[in-house]
Amino acid sequence: MDKNLFNTNTIKVKKQQDNVSSTHDVLEYVYKAMDEKGYDPVDHLVGYILSEDPTYITSNNNARNVIGKLERYDLIEELVSYYINHNIKKGGKKSK
């Protein structure tokens, strides 16, 4: 019998801890992962929200899996709520 038959190599894979719990945390985490890779986070997040195509989100730092934990409704609700609370209710600047 060949001695190498039972000789196996072990590969250790370190699981990335993402420690995100709220919608805000997910958006911040994904933003940072995309920015780190040089992507335009706004364009990619809009593409993802409109299409629900996960390839708009980088796999860097497990961001694609992190954003997949949320429903698109929750993402849109967070963004609209933030915009209204910081730009309309407080009399902030209106966008073009």
PDB file of N, CA and C in Angstrom:
ATOM      1  N   MET A   1       0.845  -1.177   0.000  1.00  0.00           N
ATOM      2  CA  MET A   1       0.000   0.000   0.000  1.00  0.00           C
ATOM      3  C   MET A   1       0.892   1.242   0.000  1.00  0.00           C
ATOM      4  N   ASP A   2       0.461   2.260  -0.731  1.00  0.00           N
ATOM      5  CA  ASP A   2       1.212   3.516  -0.832  1.00  0.00           C
ATOM      6  C   ASP A   2       1.136   4.271   0.495  1.00  0.00           C
ATOM      7  N   LYS A   3       2.307   4.677   1.021  1.00  0.00           N
ATOM      8  CA  LYS A   3       2.357   5.394   2.295  1.00  0.00           C
ATOM      9  C   LYS A   3       1.674   6.760   2.211  1.00  0.00           C
ATOM     10  N   ASN A   4       1.639   7.371   1.042  1.00  0.00           N
ATOM     11  CA  ASN A   4       1.057   8.704   0.873  1.00  0.00           C
ATOM     12  C   ASN A   4      -0.460   8.679   0.729  1.00  0.00           C
ATOM     13  N   LEU A   5      -1.028   7.499   0.640  1.00  0.00           N
ATOM     14  CA  LEU A   5      -2.475   7.381   0.444  1.00  0.00           C
ATOM     15  C   LEU A   5      -3.253   8.036   1.595  1.00  0.00           C
ATOM     16  N   PHE A   6      -2.760   7.866   2.800  1.00  0.00           N
ATOM     17  CA  PHE A   6      -3.468   8.406   3.955  1.00  0.00           C
ATOM     18  C   PHE A   6      -2.844   9.698   4.472  1.00  0.00           C
ATOM     19  N   ASN A   7      -1.872  10.191   3.768  1.00  0.00           N
ATOM     20  CA  ASN A   7      -1.216  11.430   4.135  1.00  0.00           C
ATOM     21  C   ASN A   7      -2.062  12.585   3.596  1.00  0.00           C
ATOM     22  N   THR A   8      -2.654  13.347   4.466  1.00  0.00           N
ATOM     23  CA  THR A   8      -3.512  14.446   4.018  1.00  0.00           C
ATOM     24  C   THR A   8      -2.957  15.770   4.489  1.00  0.00           C
ATOM     25  N   ASN A   9      -3.235  16.781   3.728  1.00  0.00           N
ATOM     26  CA  ASN A   9      -2.861  18.137   4.114  1.00  0.00           C
ATOM     27  C   ASN A   9      -4.074  18.822   4.694  1.00  0.00           C
ATOM     28  N   THR A  10      -3.868  19.565   5.732  1.00  0.00           N
ATOM     29  CA  THR A  10      -4.959  20.294   6.361  1.00  0.00           C
ATOM     30  C   THR A  10      -4.795  21.776   6.065  1.00  0.00           C
ATOM     31  N   ILE A  11      -5.876  22.385   5.623  1.00  0.00           N
ATOM     32  CA  ILE A  11      -5.889  23.816   5.362  1.00  0.00           C
ATOM     33  C   ILE A  11      -6.784  24.453   6.401  1.00  0.00           C
ATOM     34  N   LYS A  12      -6.226  25.390   7.128  1.00  0.00           N
ATOM     35  CA  LYS A  12      -7.020  26.097   8.123  1.00  0.00           C
ATOM     36  C   LYS A  12      -7.577  27.361   7.498  1.00  0.00           C
ATOM     37  N   VAL A  13      -8.858  27.553   7.648  1.00  0.00           N
ATOM     38  CA  VAL A  13      -9.527  28.731   7.119  1.00  0.00           C
ATOM     39  C   VAL A  13     -10.032  29.551   8.291  1.00  0.00           C
ATOM     40  N   LYS A  14      -9.608  30.798   8.340  1.00  0.00           N
ATOM     41  CA  LYS A  14     -10.049  31.685   9.407  1.00  0.00           C
ATOM     42  C   LYS A  14     -11.362  32.336   8.981  1.00  0.00           C
ATOM     43  N   LYS A  15     -12.393  32.113   9.771  1.00  0.00           N
ATOM     44  CA  LYS A  15     -13.692  32.713   9.467  1.00  0.00           C
ATOM     45  C   LYS A  15     -13.682  34.175   9.870  1.00  0.00           C
ATOM     46  N   GLN A  16     -14.100  35.010   8.938  1.00  0.00           N
ATOM     47  CA  GLN A  16     -14.158  36.457   9.185  1.00  0.00           C
ATOM     48  C   GLN A  16     -15.337  36.754  10.118  1.00  0.00           C
ATOM     49  N   GLN A  17     -15.081  37.422  11.202  1.00  0.00           N
ATOM     50  CA  GLN A  17     -16.135  37.850  12.104  1.00  0.00           C
ATOM     51  C   GLN A  17     -16.678  39.180  11.614  1.00  0.00           C
ATOM     52  N   ASP A  18     -17.963  39.276  11.396  1.00  0.00           N
ATOM     53  CA  ASP A  18     -18.511  40.515  10.854  1.00  0.00           C
ATOM     54  C   ASP A  18     -19.231  41.368  11.894  1.00  0.00           C
ATOM     55  N   ASN A  19     -19.608  40.831  13.019  1.00  0.00           N
ATOM     56  CA  ASN A  19     -20.171  41.608  14.142  1.00  0.00           C
ATOM     57  C   ASN A  19     -21.078  42.757  13.730  1.00  0.00           C
ATOM     58  N   VAL A  20     -22.017  42.492  12.880  1.00  0.00           N
ATOM     59  CA  VAL A  20     -22.987  43.515  12.499  1.00  0.00           C
ATOM     60  C   VAL A  20     -24.363  43.017  12.898  1.00  0.00           C
ATOM     61  N   SER A  21     -25.146  43.918  13.476  1.00  0.00           N
ATOM     62  CA  SER A  21     -26.448  43.483  13.958  1.00  0.00           C
ATOM     63  C   SER A  21     -27.584  44.332  13.412  1.00  0.00           C
ATOM     64  N   SER A  22     -27.348  45.614  13.224  1.00  0.00           N
ATOM     65  CA  SER A  22     -28.428  46.487  12.768  1.00  0.00           C
ATOM     66  C   SER A  22     -28.259  46.792  11.281  1.00  0.00           C
ATOM     67  N   THR A  23     -29.307  47.311  10.683  1.00  0.00           N
ATOM     68  CA  THR A  23     -29.254  47.716   9.281  1.00  0.00           C
ATOM     69  C   THR A  23     -28.178  48.778   9.083  1.00  0.00           C
ATOM     70  N   HIS A  24     -28.099  49.704  10.016  1.00  0.00           N
ATOM     71  CA  HIS A  24     -27.064  50.733   9.954  1.00  0.00           C
ATOM     72  C   HIS A  24     -25.670  50.105   9.939  1.00  0.00           C
ATOM     73  N   ASP A  25     -25.455  49.141  10.821  1.00  0.00           N
ATOM     74  CA  ASP A  25     -24.158  48.466  10.901  1.00  0.00           C
ATOM     75  C   ASP A  25     -23.822  47.746   9.600  1.00  0.00           C
ATOM     76  N   VAL A  26     -24.815  47.105   9.005  1.00  0.00           N
ATOM     77  CA  VAL A  26     -24.605  46.391   7.744  1.00  0.00           C
ATOM     78  C   VAL A  26     -24.196  47.373   6.650  1.00  0.00           C
ATOM     79  N   LEU A  27     -24.918  48.481   6.533  1.00  0.00           N
ATOM     80  CA  LEU A  27     -24.585  49.472   5.505  1.00  0.00           C
ATOM     81  C   LEU A  27     -23.183  50.034   5.712  1.00  0.00           C
ATOM     82  N   GLU A  28     -22.834  50.325   6.949  1.00  0.00           N
ATOM     83  CA  GLU A  28     -21.503  50.849   7.248  1.00  0.00           C
ATOM     84  C   GLU A  28     -20.422  49.819   6.925  1.00  0.00           C
ATOM     85  N   TYR A  29     -20.655  48.584   7.288  1.00  0.00           N
ATOM     86  CA  TYR A  29     -19.699  47.500   7.047  1.00  0.00           C
ATOM     87  C   TYR A  29     -19.476  47.295   5.550  1.00  0.00           C
ATOM     88  N   VAL A  30     -20.573  47.237   4.799  1.00  0.00           N
ATOM     89  CA  VAL A  30     -20.494  47.014   3.360  1.00  0.00           C
ATOM     90  C   VAL A  30     -19.851  48.218   2.668  1.00  0.00           C
ATOM     91  N   TYR A  31     -20.216  49.408   3.109  1.00  0.00           N
ATOM     92  CA  TYR A  31     -19.608  50.626   2.565  1.00  0.00           C
ATOM     93  C   TYR A  31     -18.083  50.575   2.705  1.00  0.00           C
ATOM     94  N   LYS A  32     -17.615  50.258   3.895  1.00  0.00           N
ATOM     95  CA  LYS A  32     -16.174  50.226   4.146  1.00  0.00           C
ATOM     96  C   LYS A  32     -15.477  49.156   3.303  1.00  0.00           C
ATOM     97  N   ALA A  33     -16.122  48.003   3.155  1.00  0.00           N
ATOM     98  CA  ALA A  33     -15.526  46.928   2.356  1.00  0.00           C
ATOM     99  C   ALA A  33     -15.403  47.338   0.892  1.00  0.00           C
ATOM    100  N   MET A  34     -16.422  48.020   0.362  1.00  0.00           N
ATOM    101  CA  MET A  34     -16.380  48.452  -1.042  1.00  0.00           C
ATOM    102  C   MET A  34     -15.395  49.593  -1.231  1.00  0.00           C
ATOM    103  N   ASP A  35     -15.388  50.526  -0.309  1.00  0.00           N
ATOM    104  CA  ASP A  35     -14.470  51.659  -0.388  1.00  0.00           C
ATOM    105  C   ASP A  35     -13.017  51.170  -0.328  1.00  0.00           C
ATOM    106  N   GLU A  36     -12.770  50.195   0.511  1.00  0.00           N
ATOM    107  CA  GLU A  36     -11.437  49.619   0.661  1.00  0.00           C
ATOM    108  C   GLU A  36     -10.938  49.020  -0.655  1.00  0.00           C
ATOM    109  N   LYS A  37     -11.851  48.475  -1.447  1.00  0.00           N
ATOM    110  CA  LYS A  37     -11.482  47.881  -2.735  1.00  0.00           C
ATOM    111  C   LYS A  37     -11.492  48.888  -3.876  1.00  0.00           C
ATOM    112  N   GLY A  38     -11.873  50.135  -3.586  1.00  0.00           N
ATOM    113  CA  GLY A  38     -11.863  51.175  -4.609  1.00  0.00           C
ATOM    114  C   GLY A  38     -13.145  51.282  -5.420  1.00  0.00           C
ATOM    115  N   TYR A  39     -14.207  50.623  -4.968  1.00  0.00           N
ATOM    116  CA  TYR A  39     -15.495  50.700  -5.659  1.00  0.00           C
ATOM    117  C   TYR A  39     -16.268  51.928  -5.182  1.00  0.00           C
ATOM    118  N   ASP A  40     -17.219  52.372  -5.988  1.00  0.00           N
ATOM    119  CA  ASP A  40     -18.111  53.463  -5.601  1.00  0.00           C
ATOM    120  C   ASP A  40     -19.277  52.841  -4.820  1.00  0.00           C
ATOM    121  N   PRO A  41     -19.265  52.953  -3.499  1.00  0.00           N
ATOM    122  CA  PRO A  41     -20.288  52.289  -2.695  1.00  0.00           C
ATOM    123  C   PRO A  41     -21.713  52.719  -3.029  1.00  0.00           C
ATOM    124  N   VAL A  42     -21.924  53.986  -3.357  1.00  0.00           N
ATOM    125  CA  VAL A  42     -23.286  54.452  -3.656  1.00  0.00           C
ATOM    126  C   VAL A  42     -23.807  53.754  -4.909  1.00  0.00           C
ATOM    127  N   ASP A  43     -23.033  53.767  -5.980  1.00  0.00           N
ATOM    128  CA  ASP A  43     -23.470  53.118  -7.218  1.00  0.00           C
ATOM    129  C   ASP A  43     -23.735  51.629  -7.020  1.00  0.00           C
ATOM    130  N   HIS A  44     -22.861  50.978  -6.290  1.00  0.00           N
ATOM    131  CA  HIS A  44     -23.019  49.541  -6.089  1.00  0.00           C
ATOM    132  C   HIS A  44     -24.198  49.214  -5.180  1.00  0.00           C
ATOM    133  N   LEU A  45     -24.409  50.005  -4.149  1.00  0.00           N
ATOM    134  CA  LEU A  45     -25.562  49.762  -3.281  1.00  0.00           C
ATOM    135  C   LEU A  45     -26.878  50.013  -4.012  1.00  0.00           C
ATOM    136  N   VAL A  46     -26.925  51.064  -4.829  1.00  0.00           N
ATOM    137  CA  VAL A  46     -28.135  51.328  -5.616  1.00  0.00           C
ATOM    138  C   VAL A  46     -28.391  50.166  -6.566  1.00  0.00           C
ATOM    139  N   GLY A  47     -27.357  49.709  -7.249  1.00  0.00           N
ATOM    140  CA  GLY A  47     -27.510  48.565  -8.154  1.00  0.00           C
ATOM    141  C   GLY A  47     -28.009  47.339  -7.430  1.00  0.00           C
ATOM    142  N   TYR A  48     -27.475  47.086  -6.264  1.00  0.00           N
ATOM    143  CA  TYR A  48     -27.911  45.937  -5.475  1.00  0.00           C
ATOM    144  C   TYR A  48     -29.368  46.072  -5.041  1.00  0.00           C
ATOM    145  N   ILE A  49     -29.719  47.232  -4.534  1.00  0.00           N
ATOM    146  CA  ILE A  49     -31.089  47.431  -4.048  1.00  0.00           C
ATOM    147  C   ILE A  49     -32.098  47.298  -5.183  1.00  0.00           C
ATOM    148  N   LEU A  50     -31.771  47.855  -6.352  1.00  0.00           N
ATOM    149  CA  LEU A  50     -32.707  47.784  -7.479  1.00  0.00           C
ATOM    150  C   LEU A  50     -32.829  46.383  -8.062  1.00  0.00           C
ATOM    151  N   SER A  51     -31.735  45.658  -8.116  1.00  0.00           N
ATOM    152  CA  SER A  51     -31.746  44.364  -8.800  1.00  0.00           C
ATOM    153  C   SER A  51     -31.720  43.154  -7.872  1.00  0.00           C
ATOM    154  N   GLU A  52     -31.274  43.361  -6.651  1.00  0.00           N
ATOM    155  CA  GLU A  52     -31.027  42.291  -5.678  1.00  0.00           C
ATOM    156  C   GLU A  52     -29.981  41.298  -6.209  1.00  0.00           C
ATOM    157  N   ASP A  53     -29.132  41.764  -7.114  1.00  0.00           N
ATOM    158  CA  ASP A  53     -28.036  40.956  -7.644  1.00  0.00           C
ATOM    159  C   ASP A  53     -26.843  41.096  -6.704  1.00  0.00           C
ATOM    160  N   PRO A  54     -26.464  40.022  -6.024  1.00  0.00           N
ATOM    161  CA  PRO A  54     -25.400  40.120  -5.029  1.00  0.00           C
ATOM    162  C   PRO A  54     -24.029  40.465  -5.609  1.00  0.00           C
ATOM    163  N   THR A  55     -23.855  40.315  -6.909  1.00  0.00           N
ATOM    164  CA  THR A  55     -22.547  40.623  -7.489  1.00  0.00           C
ATOM    165  C   THR A  55     -22.243  42.116  -7.489  1.00  0.00           C
ATOM    166  N   TYR A  56     -23.220  42.956  -7.195  1.00  0.00           N
ATOM    167  CA  TYR A  56     -22.951  44.385  -7.027  1.00  0.00           C
ATOM    168  C   TYR A  56     -22.123  44.652  -5.766  1.00  0.00           C
ATOM    169  N   ILE A  57     -22.149  43.703  -4.834  1.00  0.00           N
ATOM    170  CA  ILE A  57     -21.466  43.871  -3.559  1.00  0.00           C
ATOM    171  C   ILE A  57     -20.200  43.022  -3.568  1.00  0.00           C
ATOM    172  N   THR A  58     -19.097  43.614  -3.163  1.00  0.00           N
ATOM    173  CA  THR A  58     -17.832  42.903  -3.118  1.00  0.00           C
ATOM    174  C   THR A  58     -17.873  41.766  -2.106  1.00  0.00           C
ATOM    175  N   SER A  59     -17.086  40.752  -2.368  1.00  0.00           N
ATOM    176  CA  SER A  59     -16.943  39.676  -1.382  1.00  0.00           C
ATOM    177  C   SER A  59     -15.850  40.013  -0.370  1.00  0.00           C
ATOM    178  N   ASN A  60     -15.167  41.143  -0.563  1.00  0.00           N
ATOM    179  CA  ASN A  60     -14.141  41.604   0.364  1.00  0.00           C
ATOM    180  C   ASN A  60     -14.707  41.678   1.784  1.00  0.00           C
ATOM    181  N   ASN A  61     -13.990  41.112   2.725  1.00  0.00           N
ATOM    182  CA  ASN A  61     -14.408  41.101   4.144  1.00  0.00           C
ATOM    183  C   ASN A  61     -15.792  40.491   4.352  1.00  0.00           C
ATOM    184  N   ASN A  62     -16.191  39.604   3.458  1.00  0.00           N
ATOM    185  CA  ASN A  62     -17.474  38.901   3.585  1.00  0.00           C
ATOM    186  C   ASN A  62     -18.684  39.829   3.442  1.00  0.00           C
ATOM    187  N   ALA A  63     -18.488  40.984   2.805  1.00  0.00           N
ATOM    188  CA  ALA A  63     -19.561  41.985   2.696  1.00  0.00           C
ATOM    189  C   ALA A  63     -20.794  41.450   1.966  1.00  0.00           C
ATOM    190  N   ARG A  64     -20.597  40.623   0.957  1.00  0.00           N
ATOM    191  CA  ARG A  64     -21.736  40.083   0.193  1.00  0.00           C
ATOM    192  C   ARG A  64     -22.634  39.230   1.084  1.00  0.00           C
ATOM    193  N   ASN A  65     -22.033  38.425   1.920  1.00  0.00           N
ATOM    194  CA  ASN A  65     -22.836  37.599   2.833  1.00  0.00           C
ATOM    195  C   ASN A  65     -23.494  38.438   3.923  1.00  0.00           C
ATOM    196  N   VAL A  66     -22.786  39.463   4.366  1.00  0.00           N
ATOM    197  CA  VAL A  66     -23.329  40.326   5.422  1.00  0.00           C
ATOM    198  C   VAL A  66     -24.584  41.042   4.923  1.00  0.00           C
ATOM    199  N   ILE A  67     -24.516  41.627   3.724  1.00  0.00           N
ATOM    200  CA  ILE A  67     -25.687  42.363   3.228  1.00  0.00           C
ATOM    201  C   ILE A  67     -26.827  41.409   2.876  1.00  0.00           C
ATOM    202  N   GLY A  68     -26.490  40.180   2.550  1.00  0.00           N
ATOM    203  CA  GLY A  68     -27.516  39.181   2.241  1.00  0.00           C
ATOM    204  C   GLY A  68     -28.365  38.781   3.431  1.00  0.00           C
ATOM    205  N   LYS A  69     -27.943  39.166   4.625  1.00  0.00           N
ATOM    206  CA  LYS A  69     -28.709  38.865   5.845  1.00  0.00           C
ATOM    207  C   LYS A  69     -29.938  39.761   5.975  1.00  0.00           C
ATOM    208  N   LEU A  70     -29.966  40.840   5.192  1.00  0.00           N
ATOM    209  CA  LEU A  70     -31.070  41.799   5.288  1.00  0.00           C
ATOM    210  C   LEU A  70     -32.005  41.710   4.094  1.00  0.00           C
ATOM    211  N   GLU A  71     -33.231  42.077   4.331  1.00  0.00           N
ATOM    212  CA  GLU A  71     -34.197  42.218   3.243  1.00  0.00           C
ATOM    213  C   GLU A  71     -33.991  43.581   2.590  1.00  0.00           C
ATOM    214  N   ARG A  72     -34.239  43.667   1.302  1.00  0.00           N
ATOM    215  CA  ARG A  72     -34.115  44.956   0.611  1.00  0.00           C
ATOM    216  C   ARG A  72     -35.021  46.002   1.234  1.00  0.00           C
ATOM    217  N   TYR A  73     -36.202  45.610   1.673  1.00  0.00           N
ATOM    218  CA  TYR A  73     -37.131  46.544   2.308  1.00  0.00           C
ATOM    219  C   TYR A  73     -36.467  47.230   3.495  1.00  0.00           C
ATOM    220  N   ASP A  74     -35.752  46.445   4.312  1.00  0.00           N
ATOM    221  CA  ASP A  74     -35.090  47.016   5.489  1.00  0.00           C
ATOM    222  C   ASP A  74     -34.004  48.009   5.092  1.00  0.00           C
ATOM    223  N   LEU A  75     -33.272  47.712   4.035  1.00  0.00           N
ATOM    224  CA  LEU A  75     -32.248  48.637   3.546  1.00  0.00           C
ATOM    225  C   LEU A  75     -32.870  49.940   3.075  1.00  0.00           C
ATOM    226  N   ILE A  76     -33.920  49.825   2.276  1.00  0.00           N
ATOM    227  CA  ILE A  76     -34.593  51.014   1.747  1.00  0.00           C
ATOM    228  C   ILE A  76     -35.210  51.817   2.885  1.00  0.00           C
ATOM    229  N   GLU A  77     -35.838  51.147   3.828  1.00  0.00           N
ATOM    230  CA  GLU A  77     -36.441  51.831   4.971  1.00  0.00           C
ATOM    231  C   GLU A  77     -35.384  52.610   5.756  1.00  0.00           C
ATOM    232  N   GLU A  78     -34.236  52.009   5.994  1.00  0.00           N
ATOM    233  CA  GLU A  78     -33.154  52.686   6.727  1.00  0.00           C
ATOM    234  C   GLU A  78     -32.678  53.925   5.972  1.00  0.00           C
ATOM    235  N   LEU A  79     -32.485  53.795   4.677  1.00  0.00           N
ATOM    236  CA  LEU A  79     -31.990  54.912   3.871  1.00  0.00           C
ATOM    237  C   LEU A  79     -32.998  56.058   3.802  1.00  0.00           C
ATOM    238  N   VAL A  80     -34.255  55.732   3.580  1.00  0.00           N
ATOM    239  CA  VAL A  80     -35.287  56.769   3.495  1.00  0.00           C
ATOM    240  C   VAL A  80     -35.484  57.443   4.849  1.00  0.00           C
ATOM    241  N   SER A  81     -35.515  56.661   5.906  1.00  0.00           N
ATOM    242  CA  SER A  81     -35.668  57.232   7.251  1.00  0.00           C
ATOM    243  C   SER A  81     -34.520  58.169   7.579  1.00  0.00           C
ATOM    244  N   TYR A  82     -33.311  57.741   7.274  1.00  0.00           N
ATOM    245  CA  TYR A  82     -32.147  58.578   7.558  1.00  0.00           C
ATOM    246  C   TYR A  82     -32.213  59.872   6.750  1.00  0.00           C
ATOM    247  N   TYR A  83     -32.553  59.755   5.486  1.00  0.00           N
ATOM    248  CA  TYR A  83     -32.628  60.939   4.625  1.00  0.00           C
ATOM    249  C   TYR A  83     -33.677  61.929   5.155  1.00  0.00           C
ATOM    250  N   ILE A  84     -34.843  61.427   5.475  1.00  0.00           N
ATOM    251  CA  ILE A  84     -35.916  62.300   5.968  1.00  0.00           C
ATOM    252  C   ILE A  84     -35.519  62.948   7.295  1.00  0.00           C
ATOM    253  N   ASN A  85     -34.988  62.154   8.207  1.00  0.00           N
ATOM    254  CA  ASN A  85     -34.625  62.685   9.525  1.00  0.00           C
ATOM    255  C   ASN A  85     -33.475  63.680   9.480  1.00  0.00           C
ATOM    256  N   HIS A  86     -32.582  63.545   8.539  1.00  0.00           N
ATOM    257  CA  HIS A  86     -31.402  64.411   8.495  1.00  0.00           C
ATOM    258  C   HIS A  86     -31.464  65.507   7.440  1.00  0.00           C
ATOM    259  N   ASN A  87     -32.419  65.424   6.521  1.00  0.00           N
ATOM    260  CA  ASN A  87     -32.480  66.415   5.457  1.00  0.00           C
ATOM    261  C   ASN A  87     -33.814  67.157   5.352  1.00  0.00           C
ATOM    262  N   ILE A  88     -34.863  66.553   5.813  1.00  0.00           N
ATOM    263  CA  ILE A  88     -36.175  67.193   5.676  1.00  0.00           C
ATOM    264  C   ILE A  88     -36.658  67.699   7.022  1.00  0.00           C
ATOM    265  N   LYS A  89     -36.713  66.840   8.019  1.00  0.00           N
ATOM    266  CA  LYS A  89     -37.198  67.241   9.339  1.00  0.00           C
ATOM    267  C   LYS A  89     -36.314  68.299   9.986  1.00  0.00           C
ATOM    268  N   LYS A  90     -35.029  68.245   9.735  1.00  0.00           N
ATOM    269  CA  LYS A  90     -34.104  69.194  10.345  1.00  0.00           C
ATOM    270  C   LYS A  90     -33.823  70.372   9.441  1.00  0.00           C
ATOM    271  N   GLY A  91     -34.531  70.477   8.323  1.00  0.00           N
ATOM    272  CA  GLY A  91     -34.361  71.600   7.428  1.00  0.00           C
ATOM    273  C   GLY A  91     -33.034  71.637   6.694  1.00  0.00           C
ATOM    274  N   GLY A  92     -32.500  70.440   6.454  1.00  0.00           N
ATOM    275  CA  GLY A  92     -31.199  70.350   5.768  1.00  0.00           C
ATOM    276  C   GLY A  92     -31.294  70.714   4.308  1.00  0.00           C
ATOM    277  N   LYS A  93     -30.172  70.618   3.631  1.00  0.00           N
ATOM    278  CA  LYS A  93     -30.119  70.943   2.205  1.00  0.00           C
ATOM    279  C   LYS A  93     -30.891  69.911   1.412  1.00  0.00           C
ATOM    280  N   LYS A  94     -31.535  70.386   0.367  1.00  0.00           N
ATOM    281  CA  LYS A  94     -32.228  69.498  -0.550  1.00  0.00           C
ATOM    282  C   LYS A  94     -31.245  69.078  -1.635  1.00  0.00           C
ATOM    283  N   SER A  95     -31.366  67.807  -2.066  1.00  0.00           N
ATOM    284  CA  SER A  95     -30.463  67.370  -3.137  1.00  0.00           C
ATOM    285  C   SER A  95     -30.968  67.844  -4.481  1.00  0.00           C
ATOM    286  N   LYS A  96     -30.056  67.841  -5.435  1.00  0.00           N
ATOM    287  CA  LYS A  96     -30.359  68.329  -6.792  1.00  0.00           C
ATOM    288  C   LYS A  96     -31.334  67.433  -7.495  1.00  0.00           C
TER     289      LYS A  96
END
